[in-house]
C-alpha cells in the first residue's frame, strides 16, 4: 500500500590503511597512460560528484557532461563546452552559461567567483544546480533546451503493510539551526503504549533540506525522560542505544522485511529519541528546521522482533590529496561467537555509509575462513544516493561467522588529512545490517579501532588485548606500570633530544605491547584526546630518538640494497640512486 502521511498541521497520534611513513627507497618512474572517463572528469570541476538531479534533487547526476545521468554517450551543453576547454575548469568555462538558464557554470557548481582550482574545496557545497540542464525546468526560457531530459514522477514510498497500520508523527518544532558546521540535536518522545505494536516502516518529514544531513531514531530505556524541545546531544543520547529508524539524503523511507518489526508499546519500546544532524558549512544564522519522521505501527505483530547491527572501522586517517585509501574492519569470529546467543540470526537488509570522500564499499560474509557472499558491494558509492541491499530470503549468520568491511576513499580534492568524525567533511566507514530475532544478539555494534575489537574494549572489559594488559597499563599505580614509567623517564627525556641511554633502552621498551602496535596507537590517541599527562609525557619521551632511528635505518637499508645488487649492467643506475638517496638520508 502507498503511505499517505497526514497533512502538515493536522494532529495525529503522535584496517585502516597504514599511516604513510617516510621511507628510504630507490625511485622508479613509471609513465602510464590512463583513459579518462566521466568518472575522473567529475574531479576536474568543482563539486563534480555532488551535482543534483534536476528532476529529483535528493539524488545526484553522475555524468555531469552527458545527457545520460550515468554518463557516456552524447554530451549535454555543459559537456560540449567542457570538451572545448580541453576538459579543464577554466575561467572561460566558469563564466559561461552553458545551459542558458541565466546562471554561470561557476554559480551552478559552487564557484561563483571562478577561484576554484584542482584538488581544492569549492567556495560552496550547497545550493548547487546542473550546469547542463536549463532550470527551473518549466520556465519559458528553458523551452526546447532540455529535450533530452525525461523526468518521471518522483519515487513514491510504498510498503506492504497490515490493514490496521497507523502512523505516529515524531518531529521537531521549528528550531534555529546553530551557526556552526556540525550540529547534533535530539528530542525524546513518548511512543504509543495503548497496545502491543510492531514498528514496520518509517518515512522522513523534511522541513529544511539545505541543512538536514541525516536522522536516526533510537529506542530508549523506560527511565529516560521525554523533552519538549530539541537539545544539543552529540551523537546519540545516553540510554537510547537501539537504532529503529534511519534516514539519509536520497532515501524516501524504510520498509522492514515482511516477517519482522521493532517491538513498540506495552511489551516493547515506550520512548524514543530522534537525533537530527544539521550540516551548516556556511555557518548561516538564518536557518530553521522542523524535520522529523512518520513511523508506521501495527498491532498485528509479525513473526520476529528486528534489530540493527552496526559494523565498521572507528580509526580513519586519510592523507590529503590521496587518490585511493583503503580502510578495513573485521567483525571477527571471536566477537560473533561471544555476542550471538541462542542460535543464528538472519539478515534482511544492509546499508553502506561513508561521507563525500567515499568511492567504493562492501561488506563480505565469511565462514570458517571462506567467503560466502557480498552482503553489499558498491563500486561507485555516492553519499547523496544511498543504496539499500534487500534480502527477501533472509541470510543466515552463525556464531563464529565474520563480516569484513572495506571502504575506499579518495581525497584528491582535500588539502588536509581527514579523520573519522561526525561532520560531513569528516569520514565514516560503517555498515548497518537489519536482522532477526533481536533476542539472539547481545550487542548493537561490532566495530574495530584499527585491529582492536571495541566490544573487547568497552563491552566485555577484556583485561588483555593484543598482548597488552589494559587493566594494569591504565593504572599509574599498578606496580608493573609504575616501574615502566619510572624506567622511561630515567632513560629518556622530553623535548631535549635523543640521549644515548635512551637509544639503548628503546629496543627493550618497545617490546611492551601497550606502547607499540595498535594498542600503542590507541593509548597515544587517548593521551592526546583526554590530556592524559603521564601517558602524553611517556610517549613524548619514547619518541625523542625517532629522527635518529629513522636516519640510521635509512642508511642501513640503502647500503644493504647496494651490496645485494651484483648486476654490472645496473651499477651506474644504482650509483646515481645511492647519491641522491644519501643526500636525502644525511
Foldseek 3Di string as FASTA:
>chain_A
DFDDDDDPPDDDAALFDDDDDDAQDFDDDDDDDDDDFQQVLLLQAALSQQAADLQARLDHQNNLQPLHSVGDDHGFQLVVVCVVVVSHQDPVQQQPQRLQQPAGVCVQRQARVSPDGGLAHHNDNFPHHRSRAHPPNPDPRRPPSSPSDDHDDPDTDDDDDDPQKDKHWDKADWFWDFLDFKFKKKFKDFDAAPAKKFFFKKFKFWDDPRWFAKKWKFFFDPPDDGDDHIDTDFPDHPRGPFTFAMGGRADGIDGHFPQEGAIEHNPHGGMIMMMTMTGNHNSDRPDITIMTMMIMIDNPHGNAYKGKEKEEEQWYKAFAQAAKTKHKAKLFLVNLLPFFADWWKWWFKKWWDKAAQWAWKWKWKAAPRHTDDIRDTDRGDDSSHIDMRGDNPTDIDTRSMMIMIMTMGGNSNDDGMATDDDGNSHITTMMMTMIDRPVRGDDRYFYAHNHWTVCCVPPVVPQATPRARVVQCVDCPRVVNVVLLVVLVVQFFAPPAHDPSLVVVLVVSQVRVCCDDSNVVVVCVVCVVVVVPSSVRSVRRNCRCVLVVSLVVNVVVLVVVLVVDPDPVCNVVSVVSVVVSVVVSD
